[in-house]
């Protein structure tokens, strides 16, 4: 259970960092989001975000990997303030708990997450 909570916290941190990084563009260039006439809220952007995950886990002393997709849901909560809420990563159970389909829970060693990567032609994807 602690590993899954850690995964959710890691992803939430990545989303917040990614949102800040997308807004900052090198001088002389405008970020893609600046093209729209109305700024997009965090919740709206999060709903359109698709993630590609790679989970490395340990099975009987061997490192193995699985890959899959994920998406995010956002629930506003006025107790936190105006336009504030909770973001959750949603993925298949076998991605969050490798080995669950065999009745085991193998320890997760690493999680890689890629969000809506738009790469120039010829650029090689990390996974």
N, C-alpha and C. Protein backbone atom coordinates (compact mmCIF):
# COMPACT_ATOMS: atom_id res chain seq x y z
N UNK A 1 0.82 -1.19 0.00
CA UNK A 1 0.00 0.00 0.00
C UNK A 1 0.87 1.26 0.00
N UNK A 2 1.94 1.24 0.77
CA UNK A 2 2.83 2.40 0.85
C UNK A 2 3.45 2.70 -0.50
N UNK A 3 3.79 1.66 -1.28
CA UNK A 3 4.38 1.88 -2.60
C UNK A 3 3.38 2.58 -3.52
N UNK A 4 2.11 2.20 -3.48
CA UNK A 4 1.11 2.82 -4.34
C UNK A 4 0.90 4.27 -3.96
N UNK A 5 0.87 4.57 -2.65
CA UNK A 5 0.72 5.95 -2.20
C UNK A 5 1.93 6.76 -2.64
N UNK A 6 3.12 6.18 -2.51
CA UNK A 6 4.34 6.86 -2.96
C UNK A 6 4.30 7.15 -4.45
N UNK A 7 3.77 6.20 -5.23
CA UNK A 7 3.65 6.38 -6.67
C UNK A 7 2.71 7.54 -6.98
N UNK A 8 1.59 7.61 -6.28
CA UNK A 8 0.64 8.71 -6.50
C UNK A 8 1.26 10.05 -6.13
N UNK A 9 1.98 10.10 -5.03
CA UNK A 9 2.62 11.35 -4.64
C UNK A 9 3.69 11.75 -5.64
N UNK A 10 4.46 10.79 -6.12
CA UNK A 10 5.48 11.07 -7.12
C UNK A 10 4.85 11.64 -8.38
N UNK A 11 3.78 11.03 -8.83
CA UNK A 11 3.12 11.50 -10.05
C UNK A 11 2.52 12.87 -9.84
N UNK A 12 1.90 13.11 -8.70
CA UNK A 12 1.34 14.43 -8.42
C UNK A 12 2.43 15.49 -8.45
N UNK A 13 3.59 15.18 -7.90
CA UNK A 13 4.72 16.11 -7.94
C UNK A 13 5.18 16.36 -9.36
N UNK A 14 5.26 15.30 -10.16
CA UNK A 14 5.67 15.43 -11.55
C UNK A 14 4.69 16.29 -12.34
N UNK A 15 3.41 16.12 -12.07
CA UNK A 15 2.40 16.90 -12.78
C UNK A 15 2.55 18.37 -12.44
N UNK A 16 2.72 18.70 -11.18
CA UNK A 16 2.87 20.09 -10.78
C UNK A 16 4.14 20.69 -11.37
N UNK A 17 5.23 19.96 -11.35
CA UNK A 17 6.48 20.44 -11.93
C UNK A 17 6.33 20.59 -13.44
N UNK A 18 5.70 19.62 -14.08
CA UNK A 18 5.50 19.67 -15.53
C UNK A 18 4.64 20.85 -15.93
N UNK A 19 3.62 21.16 -15.14
CA UNK A 19 2.75 22.29 -15.46
C UNK A 19 3.53 23.59 -15.37
N UNK A 20 4.41 23.72 -14.38
CA UNK A 20 5.22 24.93 -14.25
C UNK A 20 6.23 25.03 -15.38
N UNK A 21 6.82 23.90 -15.75
CA UNK A 21 7.84 23.91 -16.80
C UNK A 21 7.24 24.26 -18.15
N UNK A 22 6.01 23.84 -18.42
CA UNK A 22 5.39 24.14 -19.70
C UNK A 22 5.08 25.61 -19.84
N UNK A 23 4.84 26.30 -18.74
CA UNK A 23 4.50 27.71 -18.81
C UNK A 23 5.72 28.57 -19.07
N UNK A 24 6.88 28.11 -18.65
CA UNK A 24 8.10 28.88 -18.84
C UNK A 24 8.72 28.51 -20.18
N UNK A 25 8.87 29.50 -21.06
CA UNK A 25 9.46 29.26 -22.37
C UNK A 25 10.75 30.07 -22.49
N UNK A 26 11.68 29.59 -23.31
CA UNK A 26 12.90 30.36 -23.52
C UNK A 26 12.56 31.74 -24.09
N UNK A 27 13.42 32.73 -23.82
CA UNK A 27 13.15 34.09 -24.29
C UNK A 27 13.01 34.11 -25.80
N UNK A 28 12.04 34.89 -26.26
CA UNK A 28 11.80 34.98 -27.69
C UNK A 28 10.82 33.94 -28.20
N UNK A 29 10.49 32.95 -27.41
CA UNK A 29 9.54 31.92 -27.81
C UNK A 29 8.34 31.95 -26.88
N UNK A 30 7.17 31.69 -27.44
CA UNK A 30 5.98 31.62 -26.61
C UNK A 30 5.62 30.17 -26.39
N UNK A 31 5.16 29.83 -25.18
CA UNK A 31 4.75 28.45 -24.93
C UNK A 31 3.52 28.11 -25.77
N UNK A 32 3.34 26.81 -26.06
CA UNK A 32 2.21 26.35 -26.85
C UNK A 32 0.88 26.82 -26.28
N UNK A 33 0.75 26.81 -24.97
CA UNK A 33 -0.51 27.17 -24.31
C UNK A 33 -0.87 28.63 -24.54
N UNK A 34 0.12 29.50 -24.84
CA UNK A 34 -0.13 30.92 -25.03
C UNK A 34 -0.90 31.19 -26.33
N UNK A 35 -1.00 30.23 -27.21
CA UNK A 35 -1.69 30.42 -28.48
C UNK A 35 -3.19 30.52 -28.28
N UNK A 36 -3.74 29.88 -27.26
CA UNK A 36 -5.18 29.92 -27.02
C UNK A 36 -5.59 31.29 -26.52
N UNK A 37 -6.86 31.64 -26.76
CA UNK A 37 -7.33 32.94 -26.37
C UNK A 37 -7.61 33.02 -24.87
N UNK A 38 -7.92 31.89 -24.25
CA UNK A 38 -8.23 31.86 -22.83
C UNK A 38 -7.30 30.88 -22.13
N UNK A 39 -6.65 31.30 -21.04
CA UNK A 39 -5.75 30.36 -20.37
C UNK A 39 -6.51 29.14 -19.85
N UNK A 40 -5.86 28.01 -19.94
CA UNK A 40 -6.46 26.75 -19.52
C UNK A 40 -6.22 26.55 -18.03
N UNK A 41 -7.24 26.12 -17.31
CA UNK A 41 -7.06 25.86 -15.88
C UNK A 41 -6.26 24.57 -15.70
N UNK A 42 -5.70 24.43 -14.52
CA UNK A 42 -4.94 23.23 -14.22
C UNK A 42 -5.81 21.99 -14.39
N UNK A 43 -7.04 22.04 -13.90
CA UNK A 43 -7.95 20.89 -13.97
C UNK A 43 -8.26 20.53 -15.42
N UNK A 44 -8.48 21.53 -16.28
CA UNK A 44 -8.78 21.27 -17.69
C UNK A 44 -7.58 20.63 -18.38
N UNK A 45 -6.39 21.12 -18.11
CA UNK A 45 -5.19 20.55 -18.70
C UNK A 45 -4.94 19.13 -18.21
N UNK A 46 -5.22 18.90 -16.94
CA UNK A 46 -5.01 17.58 -16.36
C UNK A 46 -5.94 16.55 -16.99
N UNK A 47 -7.17 16.95 -17.28
CA UNK A 47 -8.14 16.02 -17.89
C UNK A 47 -7.70 15.57 -19.28
N UNK A 48 -6.92 16.38 -19.95
CA UNK A 48 -6.47 16.05 -21.30
C UNK A 48 -5.11 15.35 -21.32
N UNK A 49 -4.54 15.13 -20.16
CA UNK A 49 -3.20 14.55 -20.07
C UNK A 49 -3.26 13.03 -20.08
N UNK A 50 -2.47 12.43 -20.94
CA UNK A 50 -2.34 10.98 -21.00
C UNK A 50 -0.90 10.65 -20.64
N UNK A 51 -0.73 9.64 -19.82
CA UNK A 51 0.60 9.25 -19.40
C UNK A 51 0.97 7.87 -19.92
N UNK A 52 2.24 7.69 -20.13
CA UNK A 52 2.79 6.40 -20.54
C UNK A 52 3.78 5.99 -19.45
N UNK A 53 3.50 4.85 -18.81
CA UNK A 53 4.29 4.41 -17.65
C UNK A 53 5.15 3.21 -18.00
N UNK A 54 6.29 3.14 -17.34
CA UNK A 54 7.13 1.95 -17.37
C UNK A 54 7.49 1.66 -15.92
N UNK A 55 7.16 0.46 -15.47
CA UNK A 55 7.40 0.06 -14.08
C UNK A 55 8.45 -1.06 -14.07
N UNK A 56 9.51 -0.83 -13.32
CA UNK A 56 10.55 -1.85 -13.14
C UNK A 56 10.33 -2.47 -11.76
N UNK A 57 10.28 -3.80 -11.74
CA UNK A 57 10.03 -4.50 -10.48
C UNK A 57 10.96 -5.70 -10.36
N UNK A 58 11.03 -6.23 -9.16
CA UNK A 58 11.92 -7.35 -8.86
C UNK A 58 11.08 -8.62 -8.68
N UNK A 59 11.32 -9.61 -9.55
CA UNK A 59 10.62 -10.89 -9.46
C UNK A 59 11.65 -12.00 -9.33
N UNK A 60 11.69 -12.63 -8.17
CA UNK A 60 12.60 -13.74 -7.89
C UNK A 60 14.05 -13.39 -8.22
N UNK A 61 14.47 -12.19 -7.80
CA UNK A 61 15.84 -11.76 -8.00
C UNK A 61 16.15 -11.17 -9.36
N UNK A 62 15.18 -11.16 -10.29
CA UNK A 62 15.39 -10.62 -11.63
C UNK A 62 14.60 -9.32 -11.81
N UNK A 63 15.26 -8.32 -12.42
CA UNK A 63 14.56 -7.08 -12.75
C UNK A 63 13.72 -7.30 -13.99
N UNK A 64 12.46 -6.94 -13.92
CA UNK A 64 11.55 -7.04 -15.07
C UNK A 64 10.83 -5.72 -15.23
N UNK A 65 10.26 -5.50 -16.43
CA UNK A 65 9.55 -4.25 -16.71
C UNK A 65 8.20 -4.54 -17.34
N UNK A 66 7.26 -3.66 -17.05
CA UNK A 66 5.98 -3.66 -17.74
C UNK A 66 5.70 -2.22 -18.16
N UNK A 67 4.94 -2.06 -19.22
CA UNK A 67 4.60 -0.73 -19.71
C UNK A 67 3.10 -0.65 -19.90
N UNK A 68 2.57 0.54 -19.69
CA UNK A 68 1.14 0.75 -19.85
C UNK A 68 0.82 2.24 -19.86
N UNK A 69 -0.46 2.53 -19.84
CA UNK A 69 -0.92 3.91 -19.89
C UNK A 69 -1.58 4.30 -18.57
N UNK A 70 -1.77 5.60 -18.42
CA UNK A 70 -2.47 6.12 -17.25
C UNK A 70 -3.11 7.44 -17.64
N UNK A 71 -4.01 7.90 -16.81
CA UNK A 71 -4.61 9.22 -16.99
C UNK A 71 -4.86 9.81 -15.62
N UNK A 72 -5.34 11.02 -15.58
CA UNK A 72 -5.53 11.72 -14.31
C UNK A 72 -6.98 12.15 -14.15
N UNK A 73 -7.42 12.16 -12.92
CA UNK A 73 -8.73 12.74 -12.58
C UNK A 73 -8.48 13.81 -11.53
N UNK A 74 -9.34 14.79 -11.52
CA UNK A 74 -9.19 15.92 -10.61
C UNK A 74 -10.53 16.17 -9.94
N UNK A 75 -10.50 16.29 -8.62
CA UNK A 75 -11.70 16.58 -7.85
C UNK A 75 -11.48 17.87 -7.09
N UNK A 76 -12.28 18.88 -7.42
CA UNK A 76 -12.18 20.14 -6.70
C UNK A 76 -12.68 19.95 -5.28
N UNK A 77 -12.08 20.69 -4.36
CA UNK A 77 -12.48 20.64 -2.97
C UNK A 77 -12.37 22.06 -2.42
N UNK A 78 -13.52 22.69 -2.19
CA UNK A 78 -13.54 24.09 -1.77
C UNK A 78 -12.89 24.29 -0.40
N UNK A 79 -12.74 23.23 0.38
CA UNK A 79 -12.07 23.35 1.68
C UNK A 79 -10.61 23.77 1.51
N UNK A 80 -10.05 23.50 0.34
CA UNK A 80 -8.65 23.84 0.09
C UNK A 80 -8.47 25.24 -0.48
N UNK A 81 -9.56 25.87 -0.87
CA UNK A 81 -9.51 27.20 -1.46
C UNK A 81 -10.13 27.20 -2.85
N UNK A 82 -10.23 28.37 -3.43
CA UNK A 82 -10.85 28.52 -4.74
C UNK A 82 -10.03 27.80 -5.81
N UNK A 83 -10.71 27.02 -6.65
CA UNK A 83 -10.09 26.28 -7.74
C UNK A 83 -8.94 25.38 -7.27
N UNK A 84 -9.08 24.77 -6.11
CA UNK A 84 -8.08 23.85 -5.57
C UNK A 84 -8.74 22.50 -5.40
N UNK A 85 -7.94 21.44 -5.42
CA UNK A 85 -8.51 20.12 -5.26
C UNK A 85 -7.44 19.05 -5.25
N UNK A 86 -7.86 17.82 -5.52
CA UNK A 86 -6.99 16.66 -5.49
C UNK A 86 -6.86 16.05 -6.88
N UNK A 87 -5.65 15.71 -7.26
CA UNK A 87 -5.39 15.05 -8.54
C UNK A 87 -4.97 13.61 -8.25
N UNK A 88 -5.51 12.68 -9.02
CA UNK A 88 -5.19 11.26 -8.84
C UNK A 88 -4.74 10.65 -10.15
N UNK A 89 -3.76 9.79 -10.06
CA UNK A 89 -3.30 9.00 -11.20
C UNK A 89 -4.17 7.74 -11.26
N UNK A 90 -4.65 7.41 -12.45
CA UNK A 90 -5.45 6.20 -12.64
C UNK A 90 -4.74 5.31 -13.65
N UNK A 91 -4.51 4.06 -13.27
CA UNK A 91 -3.89 3.09 -14.16
C UNK A 91 -4.45 1.71 -13.84
N UNK A 92 -4.07 0.72 -14.60
CA UNK A 92 -4.51 -0.65 -14.33
C UNK A 92 -3.84 -1.17 -13.06
N UNK A 93 -4.53 -2.07 -12.41
CA UNK A 93 -4.02 -2.61 -11.15
C UNK A 93 -2.68 -3.32 -11.34
N UNK A 94 -2.51 -4.03 -12.45
CA UNK A 94 -1.24 -4.75 -12.65
C UNK A 94 -0.06 -3.80 -12.84
N UNK A 95 -0.32 -2.53 -13.17
CA UNK A 95 0.77 -1.54 -13.25
C UNK A 95 1.14 -1.04 -11.85
N UNK A 96 0.15 -0.87 -10.99
CA UNK A 96 0.40 -0.39 -9.63
C UNK A 96 0.95 -1.48 -8.73
N UNK A 97 0.55 -2.74 -8.99
CA UNK A 97 0.99 -3.87 -8.17
C UNK A 97 1.47 -4.98 -9.12
N UNK A 98 2.71 -4.90 -9.60
CA UNK A 98 3.19 -5.94 -10.51
C UNK A 98 3.08 -7.33 -9.87
N UNK A 99 2.59 -8.28 -10.64
CA UNK A 99 2.45 -9.65 -10.17
C UNK A 99 1.08 -9.96 -9.60
N UNK A 100 0.21 -8.97 -9.49
CA UNK A 100 -1.10 -9.19 -8.88
C UNK A 100 -1.92 -10.23 -9.64
N UNK A 101 -1.71 -10.31 -10.95
CA UNK A 101 -2.46 -11.28 -11.75
C UNK A 101 -2.03 -12.71 -11.45
N UNK A 102 -0.85 -12.88 -10.82
CA UNK A 102 -0.37 -14.20 -10.41
C UNK A 102 -0.58 -14.43 -8.91
N UNK A 103 -1.18 -13.46 -8.24
CA UNK A 103 -1.40 -13.57 -6.80
C UNK A 103 -0.23 -13.10 -5.96
N UNK A 104 0.73 -12.36 -6.56
CA UNK A 104 1.89 -11.85 -5.85
C UNK A 104 1.92 -10.33 -5.91
N UNK A 105 2.75 -9.74 -5.09
CA UNK A 105 3.00 -8.31 -5.12
C UNK A 105 4.51 -8.11 -5.14
N UNK A 106 5.07 -7.98 -6.35
CA UNK A 106 6.52 -7.84 -6.49
C UNK A 106 6.93 -6.41 -6.16
N UNK A 107 8.08 -6.22 -5.50
CA UNK A 107 8.51 -4.88 -5.12
C UNK A 107 8.88 -4.02 -6.35
N UNK A 108 8.33 -2.83 -6.37
CA UNK A 108 8.61 -1.88 -7.45
C UNK A 108 9.96 -1.22 -7.17
N UNK A 109 10.81 -1.18 -8.19
CA UNK A 109 12.13 -0.58 -8.07
C UNK A 109 12.18 0.82 -8.66
N UNK A 110 11.42 1.03 -9.76
CA UNK A 110 11.47 2.32 -10.44
C UNK A 110 10.19 2.51 -11.25
N UNK A 111 9.75 3.75 -11.34
CA UNK A 111 8.61 4.10 -12.20
C UNK A 111 9.03 5.26 -13.08
N UNK A 112 8.84 5.10 -14.39
CA UNK A 112 9.11 6.17 -15.34
C UNK A 112 7.77 6.61 -15.91
N UNK A 113 7.60 7.90 -16.07
CA UNK A 113 6.35 8.44 -16.56
C UNK A 113 6.63 9.48 -17.62
N UNK A 114 5.94 9.37 -18.75
CA UNK A 114 6.05 10.34 -19.84
C UNK A 114 4.67 10.89 -20.07
N UNK A 115 4.56 12.21 -20.16
CA UNK A 115 3.26 12.85 -20.33
C UNK A 115 3.18 13.56 -21.68
N UNK A 116 2.24 13.17 -22.52
CA UNK A 116 1.94 13.88 -23.77
C UNK A 116 3.17 14.42 -24.49
N UNK A 117 4.13 13.57 -24.75
CA UNK A 117 5.36 14.02 -25.38
C UNK A 117 5.14 14.38 -26.85
N UNK A 118 5.44 15.61 -27.19
CA UNK A 118 5.41 16.04 -28.59
C UNK A 118 6.87 16.23 -29.00
N UNK A 119 7.39 15.31 -29.77
CA UNK A 119 8.80 15.38 -30.10
C UNK A 119 8.98 15.75 -31.57
N UNK A 120 10.07 16.44 -31.88
CA UNK A 120 10.36 16.76 -33.27
C UNK A 120 10.66 15.49 -34.07
N UNK A 121 10.48 15.57 -35.37
CA UNK A 121 10.75 14.42 -36.25
C UNK A 121 12.16 13.91 -36.03
N UNK A 122 12.31 12.61 -36.00
CA UNK A 122 13.62 11.99 -35.88
C UNK A 122 14.13 11.84 -34.46
N UNK A 123 13.45 12.44 -33.50
CA UNK A 123 13.89 12.31 -32.11
C UNK A 123 13.47 10.95 -31.58
N UNK A 124 14.37 10.29 -30.91
CA UNK A 124 14.09 8.97 -30.38
C UNK A 124 13.40 9.08 -29.03
N UNK A 125 12.35 8.30 -28.83
CA UNK A 125 11.61 8.30 -27.58
C UNK A 125 12.37 7.51 -26.52
N UNK A 126 12.30 7.94 -25.24
CA UNK A 126 13.02 7.22 -24.19
C UNK A 126 12.46 5.82 -23.95
N UNK A 127 11.19 5.58 -24.22
CA UNK A 127 10.57 4.26 -24.13
C UNK A 127 9.28 4.22 -24.87
